[in-house]
Amino acid sequence: MARRPRYVVARPVNRPFEARTAEIEIERLGARGDGIGSFNGTPVFIPLTLPGEKVLARIEGKRGDGFTASVIEWLVQAPDRAKPACKHFGICGGCSVQHVMDSRYVAWKRGIAVQALGRVGVAESLIAPLMRVPQGTRRRASFAFKKTREGMLLGFHARATHQIVDLQECPLLVPALVAALPLLRQSLATLFPDPVHGDLAVLSTESGLDVLIMTDAPLDLFKRECLAQLVHQPGFARFSWQSQGETDAETVAEAHPPQVVLGGFPVLPPPGAFLQPSKEGEAAITAQVASGLAGIEGPLLDLYSGIGSFTLPLAATHRVHAVEGNAQAAATLKRLGEKFSLSRLCVECRDLASRPLATRELDKFSGVVIDPPRTGAREQMIELAITQNIQRVVLVSCNPATLARDLSILLENRWHLDSVVPIDQFLWAPHLEMTAQLHRTITNS
C-alpha cells in the first residue's frame, strides 16, 4: 500500500513588535480619549494628545487594526489644551481627558453615544444634550493596594499597567474618601507586615465609610483586633473582609450600620454592594426611569434591581417585581420590604444571564426598567422584544456598545425609541451612563 503523503502545516511565527518613531499629526479624539493619527495609512492611537497637534511618537505595539504609541516630543501643541485638574493625570489610568477644554470635552462625551447608537440606526436628534454630574461627588471607589519593601501603595492602577499610583488627591471623589486615604494606607501597612496585594472597595455612606478588603492574605486574630480599633476612628462605619475568589464577605468590625437612602428609605447595603457612583447620578437616572414609566397603571418589573435604587421609588406608586441575581442584594431588598411593610414590593433572586424571564412571565407586567451589567442582556432582550402586554421599557446602561446592541433587538421588533439621555457621572473617562425610553402601542387583535 502506498504511503499517504505527509503535509507540513506552516505555523505562524510570532515575531516581536519592532518599535519605531514617526511624526504623527492628530486628526481626532477616539472613543477612549486617545488622539488618533495615521502612519502609512494605519490608525495610530496616542494618549494625552489633541486634534491639531503634531508629535514625534514612538509606535510601540498593535491595537485592533491600528497601532498604539506614546509621545516623545510635542512638535505642535493645540492652543486650547487645558490644565489638568489632578497632579496624577497622565500617569493614573482613572482619567483620560483632563487635558481637553470643556466645550470640546462635552462634544466628545456626547459623541460617544451618537457614534455607538448611530451604528444601529438611531438618529442623533433622539439623543439629548449631555447631563453632567459635578466633580467631587463620586461616593464609591475601588482602590488597589500593594505592600512592598519600600512601603504600602494605595491608589488606582497606572495607565495600561498593573503598577499602582500612590494616590494623594482625586478631584472626582467625595472629600471623605480622599481624607481617609492616609489613615487607610497607614492601617494597611500595620495589617500586613509582609508583602501582599489586594483591593479595597470603599463606599461613603450617610453614617461613615464602608470598607471592604479583598485579598488572598488570611484573616487572623491580629487583623481582627486591628480592624476593631480602626473602625472607631472618626469617619468609619464598617470593615469587611473577602478572600479573593469568594463571593461572600465577612463583616469584621462595625461602629455604625452604614446606611444609604434609596427612595426615602434607609438601606443597609451588604459589603461591596453595587450602587451608582454618585448620589447626583443616581437621582438623574431615577428621574429618567420615573418619566419613562409615567402613566402606566399596571405592575412594573425591575430587572437587575440590585438593592433597590429604582425599585423603591417605583414602589411608592406601583406594584413592583424586582429581580436580582446577587443573593445578598436580593435578600437586602426583601428584608427592607418586610421591615417597612411594602406590600407593593415582591423580590425574586434569579440569574437573568442564565435564566432570563420568558415571554409568558413578562406579559404579567405593563412596564419594565432594566439595568444590566456592562455585558448587557442580549438573551433577556430577545424575550422582551416579543412580549404582548408590556407598554414601556427603560434601558439603563454604562456601556454604549452593549446598549446599542440590546436596543437594536427591540427596534427590530416594532418598538419605538422616544429618547436617549447620556449622563456623565464618569468624568474625564470614556465610560458613559445612558438611559433609553421606548414604547410600543398595544393593539387588540
Protein backbone atom coordinates (compact mmCIF):
# COMPACT_ATOMS: atom_id res chain seq x y z
CA MET A 1 0.00 0.00 0.00
CA ALA A 2 1.35 3.36 -0.97
CA ARG A 3 2.07 5.71 1.86
CA ARG A 4 -0.08 8.77 2.20
CA PRO A 5 1.85 11.95 1.62
CA ARG A 6 2.66 13.91 4.79
CA TYR A 7 1.64 17.53 4.79
CA VAL A 8 3.52 20.04 6.86
CA VAL A 9 1.31 22.80 8.23
CA ALA A 10 3.19 26.05 8.47
CA ARG A 11 2.60 27.72 11.80
CA PRO A 12 2.65 31.49 12.06
CA VAL A 13 5.77 32.89 13.61
CA ASN A 14 5.14 35.37 16.42
CA ARG A 15 7.81 37.92 15.85
CA PRO A 16 8.32 40.62 18.47
CA PHE A 17 6.93 44.01 17.51
CA GLU A 18 9.66 46.36 16.33
CA ALA A 19 9.14 49.82 17.80
CA ARG A 20 9.75 52.80 15.57
CA THR A 21 9.45 56.56 15.68
CA ALA A 22 7.38 58.77 13.40
CA GLU A 23 5.92 62.25 13.18
CA ILE A 24 2.16 61.94 13.62
CA GLU A 25 -0.50 64.60 13.14
CA ILE A 26 -3.53 64.12 15.40
CA GLU A 27 -6.80 64.21 13.48
CA ARG A 28 -9.49 63.42 16.05
CA LEU A 29 -10.27 62.14 19.55
CA GLY A 30 -11.18 58.47 19.78
CA ALA A 31 -13.84 56.87 21.96
CA ARG A 32 -11.26 56.03 24.64
CA GLY A 33 -9.95 59.60 24.76
CA ASP A 34 -6.80 58.92 22.76
CA GLY A 35 -5.75 61.20 19.94
CA ILE A 36 -5.87 59.39 16.59
CA GLY A 37 -3.50 59.99 13.68
CA SER A 38 -2.18 57.71 10.97
CA PHE A 39 1.07 56.03 9.96
CA ASN A 40 1.32 54.68 6.42
CA GLY A 41 -2.47 54.66 6.25
CA THR A 42 -2.91 52.79 9.54
CA PRO A 43 -4.58 54.43 12.59
CA VAL A 44 -2.29 55.30 15.49
CA PHE A 45 -3.75 55.82 18.99
CA ILE A 46 -1.74 58.24 21.14
CA PRO A 47 -2.89 59.08 24.69
CA LEU A 48 -2.84 62.67 26.01
CA THR A 49 -2.89 64.28 22.56
CA LEU A 50 -5.44 66.57 20.90
CA PRO A 51 -6.69 67.18 17.36
CA GLY A 52 -4.47 69.65 15.54
CA GLU A 53 -1.33 68.63 17.42
CA LYS A 54 1.76 67.17 15.82
CA VAL A 55 4.02 64.86 17.81
CA LEU A 56 7.12 62.78 17.47
CA ALA A 57 5.78 59.43 18.61
CA ARG A 58 7.16 56.05 19.49
CA ILE A 59 4.96 53.37 17.89
CA GLU A 60 5.01 50.58 20.46
CA GLY A 61 2.51 47.90 19.55
CA LYS A 62 -0.71 46.86 17.90
CA ARG A 63 -4.25 47.68 18.96
CA GLY A 64 -7.03 46.18 16.89
CA ASP A 65 -6.47 47.30 13.32
CA GLY A 66 -4.07 50.05 14.37
CA PHE A 67 -1.04 50.88 16.46
CA THR A 68 -0.51 52.29 19.93
CA ALA A 69 2.11 54.95 20.50
CA SER A 70 3.46 57.35 23.12
CA VAL A 71 4.69 60.91 22.76
CA ILE A 72 8.42 61.52 22.64
CA GLU A 73 8.10 65.23 21.86
CA TRP A 74 5.32 67.68 21.04
CA LEU A 75 6.15 69.44 17.77
CA VAL A 76 2.90 71.45 17.68
CA GLN A 77 0.56 71.82 20.67
CA ALA A 78 -3.13 72.75 20.44
CA PRO A 79 -3.87 76.25 21.78
CA ASP A 80 -6.95 75.00 23.65
CA ARG A 81 -5.08 72.41 25.73
CA ALA A 82 -6.48 72.55 29.27
CA LYS A 83 -4.60 72.39 32.56
CA PRO A 84 -5.37 69.03 34.23
CA ALA A 85 -7.36 69.14 37.47
CA CYS A 86 -5.24 66.45 39.16
CA LYS A 87 -1.50 66.14 39.64
CA HIS A 88 -1.70 62.39 38.94
CA PHE A 89 -3.17 62.90 35.46
CA GLY A 90 -1.11 61.34 32.70
CA ILE A 91 0.14 58.55 34.96
CA CYS A 92 -3.04 57.41 36.71
CA GLY A 93 -5.27 55.30 34.50
CA GLY A 94 -8.51 56.61 36.01
CA CYS A 95 -8.89 59.64 33.74
CA SER A 96 -8.04 60.02 30.06
CA VAL A 97 -9.15 63.52 29.00
CA GLN A 98 -8.42 66.10 31.71
CA HIS A 99 -6.32 67.94 29.11
CA VAL A 100 -9.39 68.68 26.97
CA MET A 101 -11.15 72.05 27.16
CA ASP A 102 -14.70 71.87 28.43
CA SER A 103 -16.56 72.62 25.19
CA ARG A 104 -14.57 70.02 23.28
CA TYR A 105 -14.99 67.57 26.15
CA VAL A 106 -18.81 67.86 26.14
CA ALA A 107 -18.96 67.30 22.38
CA TRP A 108 -16.62 64.31 22.65
CA LYS A 109 -18.54 62.69 25.52
CA ARG A 110 -21.94 63.06 23.86
CA GLY A 111 -20.34 61.90 20.61
CA ILE A 112 -19.61 58.53 22.22
CA ALA A 113 -23.37 57.96 22.47
CA VAL A 114 -24.02 59.35 18.99
CA GLN A 115 -21.41 57.11 17.40
CA ALA A 116 -22.40 53.91 19.23
CA LEU A 117 -26.14 54.30 18.64
CA GLY A 118 -25.68 55.56 15.10
CA ARG A 119 -24.37 52.11 14.19
CA VAL A 120 -27.84 50.66 14.85
CA GLY A 121 -29.71 53.44 13.08
CA VAL A 122 -30.56 55.78 15.97
CA ALA A 123 -30.84 59.37 14.77
CA GLU A 124 -28.76 61.95 16.63
CA SER A 125 -31.91 64.04 17.13
CA LEU A 126 -33.16 61.39 19.59
CA ILE A 127 -30.08 61.83 21.80
CA ALA A 128 -30.47 64.57 24.41
CA PRO A 129 -27.74 67.01 25.46
CA LEU A 130 -25.21 65.64 27.92
CA MET A 131 -26.33 65.68 31.56
CA ARG A 132 -23.37 66.24 33.86
CA VAL A 133 -22.54 65.30 37.45
CA PRO A 134 -20.22 67.71 39.32
CA GLN A 135 -16.70 66.66 40.26
CA GLY A 136 -16.08 65.74 43.88
CA THR A 137 -19.30 63.68 44.10
CA ARG A 138 -18.14 60.12 43.47
CA ARG A 139 -19.05 58.21 46.62
CA ARG A 140 -17.56 54.81 45.88
CA ALA A 141 -14.17 53.72 44.58
CA SER A 142 -12.18 50.54 44.17
CA PHE A 143 -8.52 51.03 45.08
CA ALA A 144 -5.62 48.66 44.61
CA PHE A 145 -3.04 48.20 47.34
CA LYS A 146 0.38 46.57 47.48
CA LYS A 147 2.83 46.16 50.33
CA THR A 148 6.45 46.21 49.20
CA ARG A 149 9.75 46.55 50.99
CA GLU A 150 9.52 50.29 50.37
CA GLY A 151 6.10 50.63 51.98
CA MET A 152 2.37 50.46 51.28
CA LEU A 153 0.99 51.70 47.97
CA LEU A 154 -2.72 52.59 47.79
CA GLY A 155 -4.45 54.07 44.77
CA PHE A 156 -5.50 53.41 41.18
CA HIS A 157 -3.58 51.48 38.55
CA ALA A 158 -1.32 53.42 36.25
CA ARG A 159 -2.30 53.75 32.61
CA ALA A 160 -2.08 50.39 30.79
CA THR A 161 -0.05 48.71 33.57
CA HIS A 162 -0.51 46.86 36.86
CA GLN A 163 1.61 49.42 38.70
CA ILE A 164 -0.19 51.37 41.41
CA VAL A 165 -0.26 55.16 41.56
CA ASP A 166 0.03 56.04 45.25
CA LEU A 167 -2.95 58.37 45.39
CA GLN A 168 -2.57 61.70 47.18
CA GLU A 169 -5.56 63.53 45.67
CA CYS A 170 -8.51 62.89 43.38
CA PRO A 171 -10.93 65.62 42.26
CA LEU A 172 -13.54 63.00 41.37
CA LEU A 173 -14.07 61.60 44.86
CA VAL A 174 -16.15 62.99 47.71
CA PRO A 175 -13.88 64.71 50.27
CA ALA A 176 -14.45 61.99 52.89
CA LEU A 177 -12.87 59.37 50.64
CA VAL A 178 -9.80 61.49 49.88
CA ALA A 179 -9.36 62.48 53.53
CA ALA A 180 -9.36 58.82 54.59
CA LEU A 181 -6.53 57.74 52.26
CA PRO A 182 -3.60 58.47 54.64
CA LEU A 183 -5.19 56.57 57.54
CA LEU A 184 -6.19 53.68 55.27
CA ARG A 185 -2.66 53.48 53.89
CA GLN A 186 -1.15 53.53 57.36
CA SER A 187 -3.61 50.92 58.65
CA LEU A 188 -2.99 48.57 55.72
CA ALA A 189 0.74 48.79 56.40
CA THR A 190 0.06 47.71 60.01
CA LEU A 191 -2.34 44.94 58.98
CA PHE A 192 0.13 43.44 56.52
CA PRO A 193 3.71 43.35 57.80
CA ASP A 194 4.73 41.15 54.85
CA PRO A 195 4.47 41.80 51.09
CA VAL A 196 0.87 41.48 49.90
CA HIS A 197 -1.54 42.87 47.34
CA GLY A 198 -5.29 43.24 47.08
CA ASP A 199 -8.19 45.61 46.50
CA LEU A 200 -10.11 47.99 48.71
CA ALA A 201 -13.75 48.86 47.92
CA VAL A 202 -14.80 51.98 49.80
CA LEU A 203 -18.31 53.48 49.89
CA SER A 204 -19.15 56.80 51.51
CA THR A 205 -22.48 56.32 53.31
CA GLU A 206 -24.69 58.55 55.43
CA SER A 207 -23.08 57.15 58.60
CA GLY A 208 -19.44 56.82 57.54
CA LEU A 209 -17.13 54.90 55.24
CA ASP A 210 -17.95 51.27 54.45
CA VAL A 211 -14.68 49.47 53.65
CA LEU A 212 -14.28 46.03 52.07
CA ILE A 213 -10.80 44.48 51.99
CA MET A 214 -10.27 41.85 49.27
CA THR A 215 -7.05 39.85 49.39
CA ASP A 216 -5.57 36.35 49.47
CA ALA A 217 -3.95 37.02 52.85
CA PRO A 218 -5.57 35.15 55.78
CA LEU A 219 -7.80 36.97 58.26
CA ASP A 220 -6.22 36.16 61.61
CA LEU A 221 -6.79 37.36 65.17
CA PHE A 222 -4.23 40.14 64.85
CA LYS A 223 -6.01 41.64 61.82
CA ARG A 224 -9.39 41.36 63.53
CA GLU A 225 -8.11 43.28 66.53
CA CYS A 226 -6.56 45.97 64.32
CA LEU A 227 -9.81 46.48 62.38
CA ALA A 228 -11.83 46.55 65.63
CA GLN A 229 -9.74 49.54 66.72
CA LEU A 230 -9.65 51.24 63.32
CA VAL A 231 -13.43 51.24 62.84
CA HIS A 232 -13.80 53.60 65.81
CA GLN A 233 -11.67 56.26 64.12
CA PRO A 234 -13.78 59.27 63.03
CA GLY A 235 -15.49 58.80 59.67
CA PHE A 236 -15.63 54.99 59.54
CA ALA A 237 -18.73 52.79 59.80
CA ARG A 238 -17.78 49.20 58.90
CA PHE A 239 -14.88 47.00 57.85
CA SER A 240 -15.48 43.73 55.98
CA TRP A 241 -13.16 41.08 54.58
CA GLN A 242 -13.41 38.94 51.47
CA SER A 243 -10.88 36.35 50.36
CA GLN A 244 -10.21 36.62 46.65
CA GLY A 245 -12.23 34.05 44.74
CA GLU A 246 -15.01 34.02 47.35
CA THR A 247 -18.44 35.50 46.68
CA ASP A 248 -19.40 36.42 50.24
CA ALA A 249 -17.74 38.88 52.60
CA GLU A 250 -17.50 38.76 56.38
CA THR A 251 -18.24 41.81 58.50
CA VAL A 252 -15.25 42.09 60.84
CA ALA A 253 -15.91 45.35 62.71
CA GLU A 254 -18.79 47.82 62.76
CA ALA A 255 -19.08 51.10 64.64
CA HIS A 256 -22.31 52.24 62.94
CA PRO A 257 -24.57 50.48 60.42
CA PRO A 258 -23.57 52.00 57.06
CA GLN A 259 -26.73 53.46 55.56
CA VAL A 260 -27.71 54.88 52.19
CA VAL A 261 -31.09 56.40 51.40
CA LEU A 262 -32.97 54.98 48.42
CA GLY A 263 -36.47 56.18 47.60
CA GLY A 264 -36.67 57.77 51.03
CA PHE A 265 -35.84 54.52 52.85
CA PRO A 266 -32.67 53.91 54.90
CA VAL A 267 -30.92 50.90 53.39
CA LEU A 268 -28.08 48.87 54.92
CA PRO A 269 -26.11 47.67 51.87
CA PRO A 270 -24.22 44.38 52.02
CA PRO A 271 -20.42 44.73 51.81
CA GLY A 272 -19.34 45.63 48.29
CA ALA A 273 -22.91 46.19 47.09
CA PHE A 274 -23.38 47.89 43.73
CA LEU A 275 -24.61 51.48 43.85
CA GLN A 276 -24.48 54.25 41.30
CA PRO A 277 -21.13 56.07 41.66
CA SER A 278 -22.75 59.30 42.85
CA LYS A 279 -25.98 60.33 44.52
CA GLU A 280 -26.37 63.03 41.85
CA GLY A 281 -26.04 60.49 39.05
CA GLU A 282 -28.45 58.14 40.79
CA ALA A 283 -31.03 60.94 41.09
CA ALA A 284 -30.68 61.80 37.39
CA ILE A 285 -31.13 58.19 36.29
CA THR A 286 -34.03 57.62 38.70
CA ALA A 287 -35.79 60.67 37.27
CA GLN A 288 -35.44 59.27 33.74
CA VAL A 289 -36.77 55.89 34.87
CA ALA A 290 -39.77 57.55 36.52
CA SER A 291 -40.56 59.69 33.48
CA GLY A 292 -40.15 56.75 31.11
CA LEU A 293 -42.69 54.69 33.06
CA ALA A 294 -45.05 57.55 33.90
CA GLY A 295 -48.74 56.99 33.24
CA ILE A 296 -48.60 53.20 33.42
CA GLU A 297 -51.33 51.76 35.61
CA GLY A 298 -50.30 48.09 35.72
CA PRO A 299 -47.48 46.37 37.64
CA LEU A 300 -43.83 47.13 36.89
CA LEU A 301 -40.75 44.94 36.57
CA ASP A 302 -37.26 45.93 37.71
CA LEU A 303 -34.62 43.64 36.20
CA TYR A 304 -31.11 43.60 37.72
CA SER A 305 -32.59 45.57 40.60
CA GLY A 306 -29.59 45.50 42.94
CA ILE A 307 -30.57 46.72 46.40
CA GLY A 308 -33.42 48.83 45.04
CA SER A 309 -32.14 52.10 43.60
CA PHE A 310 -35.08 52.19 41.17
CA THR A 311 -37.35 49.61 42.84
CA LEU A 312 -38.02 51.63 45.98
CA PRO A 313 -39.01 54.91 44.28
CA LEU A 314 -41.26 52.98 41.87
CA ALA A 315 -42.87 51.00 44.71
CA ALA A 316 -44.29 54.24 46.11
CA THR A 317 -46.89 54.27 43.34
CA HIS A 318 -46.88 50.83 41.69
CA ARG A 319 -46.69 47.14 42.36
CA VAL A 320 -43.08 46.23 41.52
CA HIS A 321 -41.48 42.84 40.98
CA ALA A 322 -37.70 43.14 41.47
CA VAL A 323 -35.35 40.50 40.05
CA GLU A 324 -31.69 40.36 41.13
CA GLY A 325 -29.05 37.65 40.70
CA ASN A 326 -26.89 38.55 43.68
CA ALA A 327 -28.28 36.71 46.69
CA GLN A 328 -27.08 39.26 49.25
CA ALA A 329 -28.54 42.18 47.31
CA ALA A 330 -31.86 40.41 46.79
CA ALA A 331 -32.04 39.48 50.49
CA THR A 332 -31.32 43.08 51.49
CA LEU A 333 -34.16 44.37 49.35
CA LYS A 334 -36.54 41.66 50.58
CA ARG A 335 -35.76 42.45 54.24
CA LEU A 336 -36.38 46.11 53.57
CA GLY A 337 -39.78 45.36 52.08
CA GLU A 338 -40.69 43.30 55.14
CA LYS A 339 -39.36 45.88 57.61
CA PHE A 340 -41.38 48.73 56.12
CA SER A 341 -44.39 46.58 55.12
CA LEU A 342 -44.06 47.44 51.43
CA SER A 343 -46.99 45.40 50.19
CA ARG A 344 -46.42 46.54 46.59
CA LEU A 345 -42.91 45.02 46.52
CA CYS A 346 -42.01 41.46 45.53
CA VAL A 347 -38.37 40.29 45.25
CA GLU A 348 -37.00 37.32 43.30
CA CYS A 349 -33.39 36.09 43.34
CA ARG A 350 -32.61 34.85 39.85
CA ASP A 351 -29.63 34.83 37.48
CA LEU A 352 -31.02 36.61 34.46
CA ALA A 353 -27.94 35.89 32.35
CA SER A 354 -28.54 32.12 32.50
CA ARG A 355 -32.31 32.17 33.07
CA PRO A 356 -33.97 35.25 31.60
CA LEU A 357 -37.66 35.83 32.17
CA ALA A 358 -39.67 34.15 29.43
CA THR A 359 -42.32 35.96 27.43
CA ARG A 360 -45.17 34.41 29.42
CA GLU A 361 -43.63 35.77 32.63
CA LEU A 362 -43.01 39.21 31.16
CA ASP A 363 -46.59 39.51 29.97
CA LYS A 364 -47.75 39.88 33.58
CA PHE A 365 -46.31 43.42 33.61
CA SER A 366 -47.03 46.71 31.91
CA GLY A 367 -43.63 48.39 32.17
CA VAL A 368 -40.00 47.38 32.65
CA VAL A 369 -36.76 49.00 33.77
CA ILE A 370 -33.59 47.01 33.14
CA ASP A 371 -30.09 47.95 34.29
CA PRO A 372 -27.79 45.07 33.30
CA PRO A 373 -24.02 44.77 33.82
CA ARG A 374 -21.57 46.05 31.20
CA THR A 375 -22.01 42.86 29.16
CA GLY A 376 -25.65 43.79 28.56
CA ALA A 377 -28.67 41.49 28.50
CA ARG A 378 -28.99 40.05 25.00
CA GLU A 379 -30.97 36.92 25.92
CA GLN A 380 -33.39 38.88 28.09
CA MET A 381 -33.90 41.43 25.31
CA ILE A 382 -34.87 38.68 22.88
CA GLU A 383 -37.69 37.64 25.22
CA LEU A 384 -38.63 41.23 26.00
CA ALA A 385 -38.85 42.16 22.32
CA ILE A 386 -41.81 39.87 21.64
CA THR A 387 -43.93 40.44 24.73
CA GLN A 388 -47.58 41.28 24.15
CA ASN A 389 -48.57 43.27 27.25
CA ILE A 390 -45.61 45.49 28.13
CA GLN A 391 -46.16 49.06 27.02
CA ARG A 392 -42.96 50.84 28.02
CA VAL A 393 -39.32 49.94 28.64
CA VAL A 394 -36.48 51.97 30.14
CA LEU A 395 -32.96 50.67 29.48
CA VAL A 396 -30.12 51.84 31.71
CA SER A 397 -26.53 51.11 30.75
CA CYS A 398 -22.94 52.18 31.39
CA ASN A 399 -21.71 50.58 28.15
CA PRO A 400 -22.75 52.35 24.91
CA ALA A 401 -21.76 49.36 22.77
CA THR A 402 -23.92 46.80 24.56
CA LEU A 403 -26.74 49.32 24.94
CA ALA A 404 -26.73 49.77 21.16
CA ARG A 405 -26.84 46.01 20.63
CA ASP A 406 -29.65 45.46 23.16
CA LEU A 407 -31.58 48.46 21.87
CA SER A 408 -31.41 47.18 18.30
CA ILE A 409 -33.17 43.95 19.33
CA LEU A 410 -36.18 45.96 20.47
CA LEU A 411 -36.12 48.34 17.50
CA GLU A 412 -36.15 45.39 15.10
CA ASN A 413 -39.36 44.17 16.76
CA ARG A 414 -41.53 47.27 16.32
CA TRP A 415 -40.55 49.07 19.49
CA HIS A 416 -40.24 52.86 19.18
CA LEU A 417 -37.43 54.85 20.72
CA ASP A 418 -38.59 58.06 22.42
CA SER A 419 -35.29 59.43 23.70
CA VAL A 420 -31.79 58.64 24.91
CA VAL A 421 -30.20 60.66 27.72
CA PRO A 422 -26.41 60.48 28.18
CA ILE A 423 -25.47 61.09 31.82
CA ASP A 424 -21.84 61.86 32.59
CA GLN A 425 -21.11 60.54 36.05
CA PHE A 426 -17.71 59.17 34.96
CA LEU A 427 -15.96 62.50 34.48
CA TRP A 428 -12.86 62.68 32.25
CA ALA A 429 -13.20 58.98 31.33
CA PRO A 430 -14.68 57.25 28.27
CA HIS A 431 -17.34 55.50 30.37
CA LEU A 432 -20.83 56.90 29.85
CA GLU A 433 -24.14 56.18 31.55
CA MET A 434 -27.22 56.29 29.33
CA THR A 435 -30.96 55.80 29.65
CA ALA A 436 -33.23 54.91 26.74
CA GLN A 437 -37.02 55.20 26.84
CA LEU A 438 -39.11 53.08 24.48
CA HIS A 439 -42.79 52.41 23.92
CA ARG A 440 -44.95 50.09 21.89
CA THR A 441 -48.58 50.53 21.07
CA ILE A 442 -50.62 47.55 22.21
CA THR A 443 -53.32 46.53 19.76
CA ASN A 444 -56.13 44.09 20.49
CA SER A 445 -56.27 41.61 17.68
